[in-house]
Amino acid sequence: MRLKAALGFLVGAAVLCSPVWAHGPFGAFGSGPTLWDGTLHLVTSPLSVAATLGLVLAVLGLEEPWTVVVALLAGAAAALGAAMLAQLPGFMAPFAIVVLGLCAVAGWKPSALVSAALALVAGLAAGVAADLEGPRIQDLIGIALTVMIVVLALLSALDDLGRLRRLVPIMPMARRVLGSWIAAMGLLLGALAVLGIRS
């Protein structure tokens, strides 16, 4: 039942946050800003998606009460990162993603405090990578809610999938493979950001 609810969250988020809506009546709901403006910036940024997925893989196996705490911290940090875009260096997000990817590759189960720290790092990285200039309060709320829902849904879904007998031997390998891709993406984009700063 939890798996169905989590997958329902993910499907709903994918449909409602599709970039197609940005140019339709839903994305342009009325003349004022909507929560979906911030959400669209988040889900269309590869680094923001990588930071969110990297957090989920890094804290996989965390006990259930702490998953809610991690999701809340990540969402709040994402809104803070988007609000402080001008004050944070551009290479911060890629290198944070490298750390998250390496944590996933290691395959270790972090403590609650380490998971909370990773949630803050991942949230800041996701918010900065969303690249919102002059974000409004609606944008920040949309970013925070999106990160919270996606983190909770993915952690719940992967926890349920990890209990299936056929997937027990596959899940650790898949976690390491995805973590290595995330770390490689962070390294590549981090190097490009540093080179851009020097030139």
N, C-alpha and C. Protein backbone atom coordinates (compact mmCIF):
# COMPACT_ATOMS: atom_id res chain seq x y z
N MET A 1 0.82 -1.20 0.00
CA MET A 1 0.00 0.00 0.00
C MET A 1 0.86 1.26 0.00
N ARG A 2 1.95 1.24 0.82
CA ARG A 2 2.85 2.38 0.85
C ARG A 2 3.50 2.60 -0.51
N LEU A 3 3.84 1.49 -1.19
CA LEU A 3 4.47 1.60 -2.51
C LEU A 3 3.52 2.26 -3.51
N LYS A 4 2.24 1.88 -3.47
CA LYS A 4 1.27 2.47 -4.39
C LYS A 4 1.09 3.96 -4.11
N ALA A 5 1.05 4.32 -2.82
CA ALA A 5 0.90 5.73 -2.46
C ALA A 5 2.10 6.54 -2.93
N ALA A 6 3.31 5.98 -2.73
CA ALA A 6 4.53 6.69 -3.13
C ALA A 6 4.59 6.85 -4.64
N LEU A 7 4.24 5.78 -5.37
CA LEU A 7 4.25 5.88 -6.83
C LEU A 7 3.19 6.86 -7.32
N GLY A 8 2.06 6.91 -6.61
CA GLY A 8 1.04 7.89 -6.96
C GLY A 8 1.54 9.30 -6.82
N PHE A 9 2.30 9.55 -5.73
CA PHE A 9 2.91 10.87 -5.53
C PHE A 9 3.84 11.21 -6.70
N LEU A 10 4.67 10.25 -7.09
CA LEU A 10 5.65 10.50 -8.15
C LEU A 10 4.96 10.76 -9.49
N VAL A 11 3.96 9.96 -9.82
CA VAL A 11 3.25 10.16 -11.08
C VAL A 11 2.54 11.50 -11.08
N GLY A 12 1.91 11.84 -9.96
CA GLY A 12 1.23 13.13 -9.86
C GLY A 12 2.20 14.29 -10.01
N ALA A 13 3.37 14.16 -9.37
CA ALA A 13 4.38 15.23 -9.48
C ALA A 13 4.88 15.34 -10.91
N ALA A 14 5.09 14.20 -11.57
CA ALA A 14 5.60 14.23 -12.95
C ALA A 14 4.61 14.88 -13.90
N VAL A 15 3.32 14.60 -13.70
CA VAL A 15 2.30 15.17 -14.58
C VAL A 15 2.10 16.65 -14.30
N LEU A 16 1.92 16.99 -13.04
CA LEU A 16 1.60 18.38 -12.69
C LEU A 16 2.78 19.32 -12.88
N CYS A 17 4.00 18.78 -12.77
CA CYS A 17 5.17 19.65 -12.86
C CYS A 17 5.84 19.56 -14.22
N SER A 18 5.18 18.97 -15.18
CA SER A 18 5.76 18.86 -16.52
C SER A 18 6.03 20.23 -17.11
N PRO A 19 7.15 20.41 -17.79
CA PRO A 19 7.44 21.70 -18.42
C PRO A 19 6.38 22.15 -19.42
N VAL A 20 5.58 21.19 -19.93
CA VAL A 20 4.52 21.56 -20.88
C VAL A 20 3.54 22.54 -20.23
N TRP A 21 3.30 22.37 -18.93
CA TRP A 21 2.34 23.23 -18.25
C TRP A 21 2.81 24.67 -18.17
N ALA A 22 4.10 24.90 -18.31
CA ALA A 22 4.63 26.26 -18.17
C ALA A 22 4.05 27.19 -19.24
N HIS A 23 3.66 26.63 -20.38
CA HIS A 23 3.15 27.45 -21.47
C HIS A 23 1.65 27.27 -21.69
N GLY A 24 1.01 26.56 -20.77
CA GLY A 24 -0.43 26.33 -20.90
C GLY A 24 -1.20 27.11 -19.86
N PRO A 25 -2.50 26.88 -19.80
CA PRO A 25 -3.33 27.62 -18.86
C PRO A 25 -3.01 27.32 -17.41
N PHE A 26 -2.49 26.10 -17.14
CA PHE A 26 -2.18 25.77 -15.76
C PHE A 26 -0.96 26.52 -15.26
N GLY A 27 0.10 26.56 -16.12
CA GLY A 27 1.31 27.28 -15.72
C GLY A 27 1.08 28.77 -15.64
N ALA A 28 0.18 29.29 -16.45
CA ALA A 28 -0.09 30.72 -16.44
C ALA A 28 -1.39 31.00 -15.71
N PHE A 29 -1.61 30.31 -14.62
CA PHE A 29 -2.84 30.41 -13.85
C PHE A 29 -3.03 31.84 -13.38
N GLY A 30 -3.98 32.55 -13.97
CA GLY A 30 -4.17 33.95 -13.62
C GLY A 30 -3.01 34.77 -14.14
N SER A 31 -2.87 35.98 -13.63
CA SER A 31 -1.79 36.85 -14.08
C SER A 31 -0.64 36.88 -13.09
N GLY A 32 -0.86 36.38 -11.87
CA GLY A 32 0.19 36.44 -10.84
C GLY A 32 1.02 35.18 -10.81
N PRO A 33 2.06 35.14 -9.96
CA PRO A 33 2.93 33.97 -9.85
C PRO A 33 2.22 32.80 -9.16
N THR A 34 2.66 31.59 -9.48
CA THR A 34 2.10 30.40 -8.86
C THR A 34 3.21 29.59 -8.22
N LEU A 35 2.81 28.59 -7.42
CA LEU A 35 3.79 27.70 -6.80
C LEU A 35 4.55 26.90 -7.83
N TRP A 36 3.93 26.69 -9.00
CA TRP A 36 4.54 25.83 -10.01
C TRP A 36 5.73 26.48 -10.70
N ASP A 37 5.87 27.79 -10.62
CA ASP A 37 7.03 28.45 -11.24
C ASP A 37 8.33 27.93 -10.61
N GLY A 38 8.37 27.89 -9.29
CA GLY A 38 9.55 27.38 -8.60
C GLY A 38 9.74 25.90 -8.85
N THR A 39 8.64 25.15 -8.86
CA THR A 39 8.71 23.71 -9.10
C THR A 39 9.29 23.40 -10.47
N LEU A 40 8.86 24.14 -11.48
CA LEU A 40 9.35 23.91 -12.84
C LEU A 40 10.84 24.18 -12.95
N HIS A 41 11.33 25.23 -12.28
CA HIS A 41 12.77 25.49 -12.29
C HIS A 41 13.53 24.33 -11.65
N LEU A 42 12.96 23.75 -10.61
CA LEU A 42 13.63 22.67 -9.90
C LEU A 42 13.68 21.39 -10.72
N VAL A 43 12.54 20.98 -11.27
CA VAL A 43 12.48 19.68 -11.96
C VAL A 43 13.10 19.72 -13.34
N THR A 44 13.37 20.92 -13.88
CA THR A 44 14.03 21.00 -15.19
C THR A 44 15.52 21.28 -15.06
N SER A 45 16.03 21.31 -13.84
CA SER A 45 17.47 21.50 -13.63
C SER A 45 18.11 20.14 -13.33
N PRO A 46 19.01 19.66 -14.19
CA PRO A 46 19.65 18.35 -13.93
C PRO A 46 20.37 18.29 -12.60
N LEU A 47 21.01 19.40 -12.20
CA LEU A 47 21.72 19.40 -10.92
C LEU A 47 20.76 19.33 -9.73
N SER A 48 19.63 20.00 -9.83
CA SER A 48 18.64 19.93 -8.75
C SER A 48 18.09 18.51 -8.62
N VAL A 49 17.79 17.89 -9.75
CA VAL A 49 17.30 16.51 -9.74
C VAL A 49 18.37 15.58 -9.18
N ALA A 50 19.64 15.79 -9.58
CA ALA A 50 20.73 14.95 -9.10
C ALA A 50 20.93 15.11 -7.59
N ALA A 51 20.82 16.34 -7.09
CA ALA A 51 20.97 16.57 -5.65
C ALA A 51 19.87 15.86 -4.86
N THR A 52 18.64 15.93 -5.36
CA THR A 52 17.52 15.28 -4.67
C THR A 52 17.65 13.77 -4.70
N LEU A 53 17.98 13.22 -5.88
CA LEU A 53 18.15 11.78 -6.00
C LEU A 53 19.37 11.31 -5.20
N GLY A 54 20.45 12.12 -5.21
CA GLY A 54 21.64 11.76 -4.44
C GLY A 54 21.35 11.68 -2.95
N LEU A 55 20.53 12.59 -2.44
CA LEU A 55 20.15 12.55 -1.02
C LEU A 55 19.39 11.27 -0.71
N VAL A 56 18.43 10.92 -1.57
CA VAL A 56 17.63 9.71 -1.34
C VAL A 56 18.53 8.48 -1.30
N LEU A 57 19.47 8.38 -2.25
CA LEU A 57 20.36 7.22 -2.28
C LEU A 57 21.32 7.21 -1.10
N ALA A 58 21.75 8.40 -0.65
CA ALA A 58 22.71 8.48 0.44
C ALA A 58 22.11 8.08 1.78
N VAL A 59 20.82 8.35 1.99
CA VAL A 59 20.20 8.06 3.29
C VAL A 59 19.27 6.85 3.22
N LEU A 60 19.38 6.07 2.16
CA LEU A 60 18.52 4.91 1.99
C LEU A 60 18.65 3.96 3.18
N GLY A 61 17.53 3.49 3.69
CA GLY A 61 17.54 2.59 4.84
C GLY A 61 17.36 3.30 6.15
N LEU A 62 17.18 4.59 6.12
CA LEU A 62 16.97 5.37 7.35
C LEU A 62 15.64 4.99 7.96
N GLU A 63 15.58 5.01 9.29
CA GLU A 63 14.34 4.66 9.98
C GLU A 63 13.24 5.65 9.63
N GLU A 64 11.98 5.18 9.67
CA GLU A 64 10.87 5.96 9.15
C GLU A 64 10.66 7.33 9.80
N PRO A 65 10.73 7.49 11.13
CA PRO A 65 10.48 8.85 11.65
C PRO A 65 11.49 9.87 11.12
N TRP A 66 12.72 9.43 10.89
CA TRP A 66 13.76 10.34 10.43
C TRP A 66 13.64 10.69 8.95
N THR A 67 12.94 9.85 8.19
CA THR A 67 12.76 10.18 6.78
C THR A 67 11.95 11.47 6.63
N VAL A 68 10.98 11.66 7.52
CA VAL A 68 10.18 12.89 7.47
C VAL A 68 11.05 14.09 7.82
N VAL A 69 11.90 13.93 8.83
CA VAL A 69 12.79 15.02 9.25
C VAL A 69 13.73 15.39 8.11
N VAL A 70 14.31 14.37 7.46
CA VAL A 70 15.22 14.60 6.34
C VAL A 70 14.51 15.34 5.21
N ALA A 71 13.29 14.92 4.89
CA ALA A 71 12.53 15.58 3.82
C ALA A 71 12.24 17.03 4.16
N LEU A 72 11.84 17.30 5.40
CA LEU A 72 11.54 18.67 5.82
C LEU A 72 12.79 19.55 5.77
N LEU A 73 13.91 19.02 6.26
CA LEU A 73 15.17 19.78 6.24
C LEU A 73 15.61 20.06 4.82
N ALA A 74 15.50 19.06 3.95
CA ALA A 74 15.92 19.24 2.56
C ALA A 74 15.05 20.29 1.87
N GLY A 75 13.74 20.26 2.11
CA GLY A 75 12.85 21.24 1.51
C GLY A 75 13.14 22.65 1.98
N ALA A 76 13.33 22.80 3.29
CA ALA A 76 13.64 24.13 3.84
C ALA A 76 14.97 24.65 3.32
N ALA A 77 15.97 23.76 3.25
CA ALA A 77 17.29 24.16 2.76
C ALA A 77 17.24 24.52 1.28
N ALA A 78 16.39 23.83 0.50
CA ALA A 78 16.26 24.13 -0.92
C ALA A 78 15.70 25.54 -1.12
N ALA A 79 14.68 25.89 -0.33
CA ALA A 79 14.12 27.24 -0.41
C ALA A 79 15.17 28.27 -0.01
N LEU A 80 15.95 27.96 1.03
CA LEU A 80 17.00 28.88 1.49
C LEU A 80 18.08 29.04 0.41
N GLY A 81 18.48 27.93 -0.21
CA GLY A 81 19.48 28.00 -1.27
C GLY A 81 19.03 28.82 -2.45
N ALA A 82 17.75 28.67 -2.83
CA ALA A 82 17.22 29.47 -3.94
C ALA A 82 17.17 30.94 -3.59
N ALA A 83 16.86 31.25 -2.31
CA ALA A 83 16.79 32.64 -1.88
C ALA A 83 18.17 33.29 -1.80
N MET A 84 19.20 32.47 -1.49
CA MET A 84 20.56 32.99 -1.30
C MET A 84 21.45 32.74 -2.51
N LEU A 85 20.86 32.60 -3.69
CA LEU A 85 21.61 32.25 -4.89
C LEU A 85 22.80 33.18 -5.13
N ALA A 86 22.60 34.47 -4.94
CA ALA A 86 23.66 35.44 -5.23
C ALA A 86 24.81 35.34 -4.23
N GLN A 87 24.55 34.86 -3.01
CA GLN A 87 25.59 34.80 -1.98
C GLN A 87 26.39 33.50 -2.00
N LEU A 88 25.91 32.48 -2.69
CA LEU A 88 26.58 31.18 -2.69
C LEU A 88 27.36 30.99 -3.99
N PRO A 89 28.56 30.37 -3.93
CA PRO A 89 29.36 30.17 -5.15
C PRO A 89 28.69 29.19 -6.09
N GLY A 90 28.92 29.37 -7.39
CA GLY A 90 28.30 28.54 -8.41
C GLY A 90 28.74 27.09 -8.37
N PHE A 91 29.99 26.84 -7.89
CA PHE A 91 30.49 25.46 -7.87
C PHE A 91 30.03 24.70 -6.63
N MET A 92 29.29 25.37 -5.74
CA MET A 92 28.84 24.72 -4.51
C MET A 92 27.93 23.52 -4.81
N ALA A 93 26.97 23.71 -5.72
CA ALA A 93 26.02 22.64 -6.03
C ALA A 93 26.69 21.40 -6.62
N PRO A 94 27.56 21.54 -7.65
CA PRO A 94 28.18 20.33 -8.20
C PRO A 94 29.02 19.56 -7.18
N PHE A 95 29.77 20.26 -6.35
CA PHE A 95 30.62 19.55 -5.39
C PHE A 95 29.80 18.93 -4.26
N ALA A 96 28.68 19.53 -3.90
CA ALA A 96 27.78 18.91 -2.94
C ALA A 96 27.20 17.62 -3.52
N ILE A 97 26.92 17.65 -4.83
CA ILE A 97 26.38 16.46 -5.49
C ILE A 97 27.42 15.35 -5.54
N VAL A 98 28.69 15.70 -5.69
CA VAL A 98 29.76 14.69 -5.65
C VAL A 98 29.77 13.99 -4.30
N VAL A 99 29.66 14.76 -3.22
CA VAL A 99 29.65 14.18 -1.87
C VAL A 99 28.46 13.23 -1.71
N LEU A 100 27.29 13.66 -2.16
CA LEU A 100 26.10 12.81 -2.05
C LEU A 100 26.26 11.52 -2.88
N GLY A 101 26.79 11.67 -4.09
CA GLY A 101 27.00 10.49 -4.93
C GLY A 101 27.98 9.51 -4.32
N LEU A 102 29.06 10.01 -3.72
CA LEU A 102 30.05 9.13 -3.10
C LEU A 102 29.48 8.44 -1.86
N CYS A 103 28.62 9.14 -1.13
CA CYS A 103 27.95 8.51 0.01
C CYS A 103 27.07 7.35 -0.45
N ALA A 104 26.40 7.54 -1.59
CA ALA A 104 25.58 6.46 -2.14
C ALA A 104 26.44 5.30 -2.62
N VAL A 105 27.57 5.61 -3.25
CA VAL A 105 28.48 4.56 -3.73
C VAL A 105 29.03 3.75 -2.56
N ALA A 106 29.32 4.41 -1.44
CA ALA A 106 29.85 3.71 -0.27
C ALA A 106 28.85 2.70 0.27
N GLY A 107 27.56 2.98 0.09
CA GLY A 107 26.54 2.02 0.50
C GLY A 107 26.35 1.91 1.99
N TRP A 108 26.85 2.87 2.75
CA TRP A 108 26.72 2.81 4.21
C TRP A 108 25.43 3.46 4.67
N LYS A 109 25.00 3.06 5.84
CA LYS A 109 23.77 3.61 6.42
C LYS A 109 24.15 4.70 7.41
N PRO A 110 23.95 5.97 7.06
CA PRO A 110 24.37 7.06 7.94
C PRO A 110 23.50 7.17 9.18
N SER A 111 24.06 7.76 10.22
CA SER A 111 23.29 8.00 11.44
C SER A 111 22.26 9.10 11.17
N ALA A 112 21.39 9.32 12.14
CA ALA A 112 20.34 10.33 11.97
C ALA A 112 20.94 11.72 11.81
N LEU A 113 21.98 12.03 12.59
CA LEU A 113 22.58 13.37 12.52
C LEU A 113 23.30 13.59 11.19
N VAL A 114 24.02 12.57 10.73
CA VAL A 114 24.70 12.68 9.43
C VAL A 114 23.66 12.81 8.31
N SER A 115 22.57 12.08 8.42
CA SER A 115 21.51 12.19 7.42
C SER A 115 20.91 13.59 7.39
N ALA A 116 20.75 14.19 8.58
CA ALA A 116 20.23 15.56 8.65
C ALA A 116 21.21 16.53 7.98
N ALA A 117 22.51 16.33 8.22
CA ALA A 117 23.52 17.19 7.58
C ALA A 117 23.50 17.02 6.07
N LEU A 118 23.37 15.78 5.60
CA LEU A 118 23.30 15.54 4.15
C LEU A 118 22.05 16.17 3.55
N ALA A 119 20.96 16.16 4.32
CA ALA A 119 19.72 16.78 3.83
C ALA A 119 19.90 18.28 3.64
N LEU A 120 20.60 18.92 4.58
CA LEU A 120 20.85 20.36 4.46
C LEU A 120 21.73 20.65 3.24
N VAL A 121 22.78 19.84 3.06
CA VAL A 121 23.69 20.02 1.92
C VAL A 121 22.95 19.81 0.59
N ALA A 122 22.17 18.73 0.53
CA ALA A 122 21.44 18.43 -0.70
C ALA A 122 20.39 19.49 -1.00
N GLY A 123 19.69 19.94 0.02
CA GLY A 123 18.69 20.98 -0.18
C GLY A 123 19.28 22.27 -0.69
N LEU A 124 20.38 22.70 -0.08
CA LEU A 124 21.05 23.92 -0.55
C LEU A 124 21.48 23.78 -2.00
N ALA A 125 22.07 22.61 -2.32
CA ALA A 125 22.52 22.37 -3.70
C ALA A 125 21.36 22.40 -4.68
N ALA A 126 20.25 21.76 -4.32
CA ALA A 126 19.08 21.75 -5.21
C ALA A 126 18.52 23.15 -5.41
N GLY A 127 18.47 23.93 -4.33
CA GLY A 127 17.95 25.29 -4.43
C GLY A 127 18.82 26.20 -5.28
N VAL A 128 20.14 26.10 -5.07
CA VAL A 128 21.08 26.92 -5.86
C VAL A 128 21.01 26.53 -7.33
N ALA A 129 20.96 25.21 -7.60
CA ALA A 129 20.96 24.74 -8.99
C ALA A 129 19.66 25.07 -9.72
N ALA A 130 18.59 25.36 -8.97
CA ALA A 130 17.33 25.75 -9.63
C ALA A 130 17.48 27.08 -10.36
N ASP A 131 18.47 27.88 -9.95
CA ASP A 131 18.84 29.10 -10.68
C ASP A 131 17.67 30.07 -10.84
N LEU A 132 17.06 30.42 -9.74
CA LEU A 132 15.95 31.39 -9.74
C LEU A 132 16.49 32.76 -9.41
N GLU A 133 16.37 33.68 -10.33
CA GLU A 133 16.82 35.05 -10.06
C GLU A 133 15.66 35.86 -9.50
N GLY A 134 15.90 36.48 -8.35
CA GLY A 134 14.84 37.25 -7.70
C GLY A 134 13.62 36.42 -7.38
N PRO A 135 13.79 35.28 -6.66
CA PRO A 135 12.64 34.40 -6.40
C PRO A 135 11.60 35.08 -5.52
N ARG A 136 10.34 34.79 -5.81
CA ARG A 136 9.24 35.28 -4.99
C ARG A 136 8.89 34.23 -3.96
N ILE A 137 8.08 34.58 -3.00
CA ILE A 137 7.73 33.65 -1.93
C ILE A 137 7.02 32.43 -2.50
N GLN A 138 6.23 32.61 -3.57
CA GLN A 138 5.55 31.47 -4.19
C GLN A 138 6.55 30.49 -4.79
N ASP A 139 7.61 31.03 -5.40
CA ASP A 139 8.65 30.17 -5.97
C ASP A 139 9.32 29.33 -4.89
N LEU A 140 9.65 29.97 -3.77
CA LEU A 140 10.35 29.28 -2.68
C LEU A 140 9.47 28.21 -2.06
N ILE A 141 8.19 28.50 -1.89
CA ILE A 141 7.26 27.50 -1.35
C ILE A 141 7.15 26.31 -2.31
N GLY A 142 7.07 26.60 -3.61
CA GLY A 142 6.99 25.52 -4.60
C GLY A 142 8.21 24.63 -4.57
N ILE A 143 9.39 25.24 -4.46
CA ILE A 143 10.63 24.46 -4.39
C ILE A 143 10.66 23.60 -3.14
N ALA A 144 10.32 24.18 -1.99
CA ALA A 144 10.34 23.44 -0.73
C ALA A 144 9.38 22.26 -0.77
N LEU A 145 8.16 22.49 -1.24
CA LEU A 145 7.16 21.42 -1.28
C LEU A 145 7.57 20.31 -2.25
N THR A 146 8.14 20.70 -3.39
CA THR A 146 8.55 19.70 -4.38
C THR A 146 9.63 18.79 -3.82
N VAL A 147 10.65 19.38 -3.19
CA VAL A 147 11.73 18.57 -2.62
C VAL A 147 11.20 17.66 -1.52
N MET A 148 10.35 18.18 -0.64
CA MET A 148 9.80 17.36 0.44
C MET A 148 9.02 16.16 -0.11
N ILE A 149 8.12 16.41 -1.06
CA ILE A 149 7.28 15.35 -1.59
C ILE A 149 8.10 14.30 -2.33
N VAL A 150 9.05 14.75 -3.15
CA VAL A 150 9.86 13.79 -3.93
C VAL A 150 10.73 12.95 -3.01
N VAL A 151 11.38 13.57 -2.02
CA VAL A 151 12.23 12.81 -1.10
C VAL A 151 11.42 11.78 -0.32
N LEU A 152 10.28 12.20 0.22
CA LEU A 152 9.44 11.27 0.97
C LEU A 152 8.94 10.13 0.09
N ALA A 153 8.47 10.48 -1.10
CA ALA A 153 7.92 9.45 -1.99
C ALA A 153 8.99 8.45 -2.43
N LEU A 154 10.17 8.94 -2.80
CA LEU A 154 11.23 8.04 -3.25
C LEU A 154 11.75 7.16 -2.11
N LEU A 155 11.93 7.73 -0.93
CA LEU A 155 12.40 6.92 0.20
C LEU A 155 11.39 5.82 0.53
N SER A 156 10.11 6.17 0.51
CA SER A 156 9.07 5.18 0.79
C SER A 156 9.03 4.09 -0.29
N ALA A 157 9.09 4.52 -1.54
CA ALA A 157 9.02 3.55 -2.64
C ALA A 157 10.23 2.62 -2.64
N LEU A 158 11.43 3.17 -2.46
CA LEU A 158 12.64 2.33 -2.48
C LEU A 158 12.71 1.41 -1.27
N ASP A 159 12.17 1.88 -0.13
CA ASP A 159 12.13 1.02 1.05
C ASP A 159 11.23 -0.18 0.80
N ASP A 160 10.08 0.05 0.17
CA ASP A 160 9.18 -1.06 -0.14
C ASP A 160 9.77 -1.99 -1.20
N LEU A 161 10.41 -1.40 -2.21
CA LEU A 161 11.03 -2.23 -3.25
C LEU A 161 12.16 -3.08 -2.67
N GLY A 162 12.89 -2.52 -1.71
CA GLY A 162 14.00 -3.26 -1.10
C GLY A 162 13.55 -4.46 -0.30
N ARG A 163 12.26 -4.54 0.03
CA ARG A 163 11.73 -5.68 0.79
C ARG A 163 11.31 -6.83 -0.13
N LEU A 164 11.24 -6.57 -1.42
CA LEU A 164 10.86 -7.65 -2.35
C LEU A 164 12.04 -8.60 -2.53
N ARG A 165 11.75 -9.91 -2.46
CA ARG A 165 12.81 -10.91 -2.47
C ARG A 165 13.68 -10.83 -3.72
N ARG A 166 13.05 -10.64 -4.86
CA ARG A 166 13.81 -10.64 -6.11
C ARG A 166 14.73 -9.43 -6.23
N LEU A 167 14.39 -8.35 -5.55
CA LEU A 167 15.18 -7.13 -5.69
C LEU A 167 16.23 -6.95 -4.59
N VAL A 168 16.20 -7.82 -3.58
CA VAL A 168 17.16 -7.68 -2.47
C VAL A 168 18.61 -7.68 -2.95
N PRO A 169 19.03 -8.61 -3.84
CA PRO A 169 20.43 -8.57 -4.28
C PRO A 169 20.73 -7.46 -5.28
N ILE A 170 19.69 -6.92 -5.93
CA ILE A 170 19.91 -5.92 -6.97
C ILE A 170 20.00 -4.50 -6.41
N MET A 171 19.26 -4.23 -5.34
CA MET A 171 19.16 -2.86 -4.83
C MET A 171 20.52 -2.25 -4.44
N PRO A 172 21.40 -2.97 -3.71
CA PRO A 172 22.70 -2.36 -3.36
C PRO A 172 23.53 -2.02 -4.60
N MET A 173 23.48 -2.90 -5.61
CA MET A 173 24.24 -2.65 -6.84
C MET A 173 23.67 -1.44 -7.58
N ALA A 174 22.35 -1.37 -7.67
CA ALA A 174 21.72 -0.24 -8.35
C ALA A 174 22.02 1.07 -7.62
N ARG A 175 22.04 1.01 -6.30
CA ARG A 175 22.37 2.21 -5.51
C ARG A 175 23.77 2.71 -5.81
N ARG A 176 24.73 1.79 -5.91
CA ARG A 176 26.11 2.19 -6.19
C ARG A 176 26.28 2.71 -7.61
N VAL A 177 25.60 2.08 -8.56
CA VAL A 177 25.71 2.52 -9.96
C VAL A 177 25.13 3.93 -10.12
N LEU A 178 23.93 4.14 -9.58
CA LEU A 178 23.32 5.47 -9.67
C LEU A 178 24.16 6.51 -8.93
N GLY A 179 24.70 6.12 -7.77
CA GLY A 179 25.55 7.04 -7.01
C GLY A 179 26.79 7.44 -7.79
N SER A 180 27.39 6.48 -8.51
CA SER A 180 28.59 6.80 -9.30
C SER A 180 28.24 7.74 -10.44
N TRP A 181 27.07 7.58 -11.07
CA TRP A 181 26.65 8.50 -12.14
C TRP A 181 26.45 9.91 -11.58
N ILE A 182 25.83 9.99 -10.42
CA ILE A 182 25.59 11.30 -9.80
C ILE A 182 26.91 11.97 -9.44
N ALA A 183 27.84 11.20 -8.87
CA ALA A 183 29.14 11.77 -8.52
C ALA A 183 29.90 12.22 -9.77
N ALA A 184 29.83 11.43 -10.84
CA ALA A 184 30.52 11.80 -12.09
C ALA A 184 29.91 13.08 -12.69
N MET A 185 28.59 13.20 -12.62
CA MET A 185 27.94 14.42 -13.13
C MET A 185 28.39 15.63 -12.33
N GLY A 186 28.44 15.48 -11.00
CA GLY A 186 28.89 16.59 -10.16
C GLY A 186 30.33 16.98 -10.44
N LEU A 187 31.21 15.98 -10.62
CA LEU A 187 32.61 16.28 -10.92
C LEU A 187 32.75 17.03 -12.24
N LEU A 188 32.05 16.56 -13.26
CA LEU A 188 32.14 17.20 -14.58
C LEU A 188 31.65 18.64 -14.53
N LEU A 189 30.46 18.85 -13.98
CA LEU A 189 29.89 20.20 -13.94
C LEU A 189 30.64 21.10 -12.96
N GLY A 190 31.19 20.50 -11.90
CA GLY A 190 32.00 21.29 -10.97
C GLY A 190 33.28 21.77 -11.63
N ALA A 191 33.92 20.89 -12.41
CA ALA A 191 35.13 21.28 -13.12
C ALA A 191 34.83 22.38 -14.13
N LEU A 192 33.72 22.25 -14.83
CA LEU A 192 33.34 23.29 -15.80
C LEU A 192 33.07 24.63 -15.10
N ALA A 193 32.44 24.57 -13.91
CA ALA A 193 32.16 25.81 -13.16
C ALA A 193 33.46 26.47 -12.71
N VAL A 194 34.43 25.67 -12.25
CA VAL A 194 35.72 26.23 -11.83
C VAL A 194 36.47 26.83 -13.01
N LEU A 195 36.46 26.12 -14.13
CA LEU A 195 37.12 26.64 -15.33
C LEU A 195 36.47 27.94 -15.79
N GLY A 196 35.13 28.00 -15.68
CA GLY A 196 34.43 29.22 -16.06
C GLY A 196 34.79 30.39 -15.18
N ILE A 197 35.01 30.13 -13.88
CA ILE A 197 35.40 31.19 -12.95
C ILE A 197 36.80 31.69 -13.28
N ARG A 198 37.71 30.77 -13.61
CA ARG A 198 39.11 31.17 -13.88
C ARG A 198 39.21 31.95 -15.19
N SER A 199 38.39 31.58 -16.17
CA SER A 199 38.46 32.31 -17.44
C SER A 199 37.62 33.58 -17.34
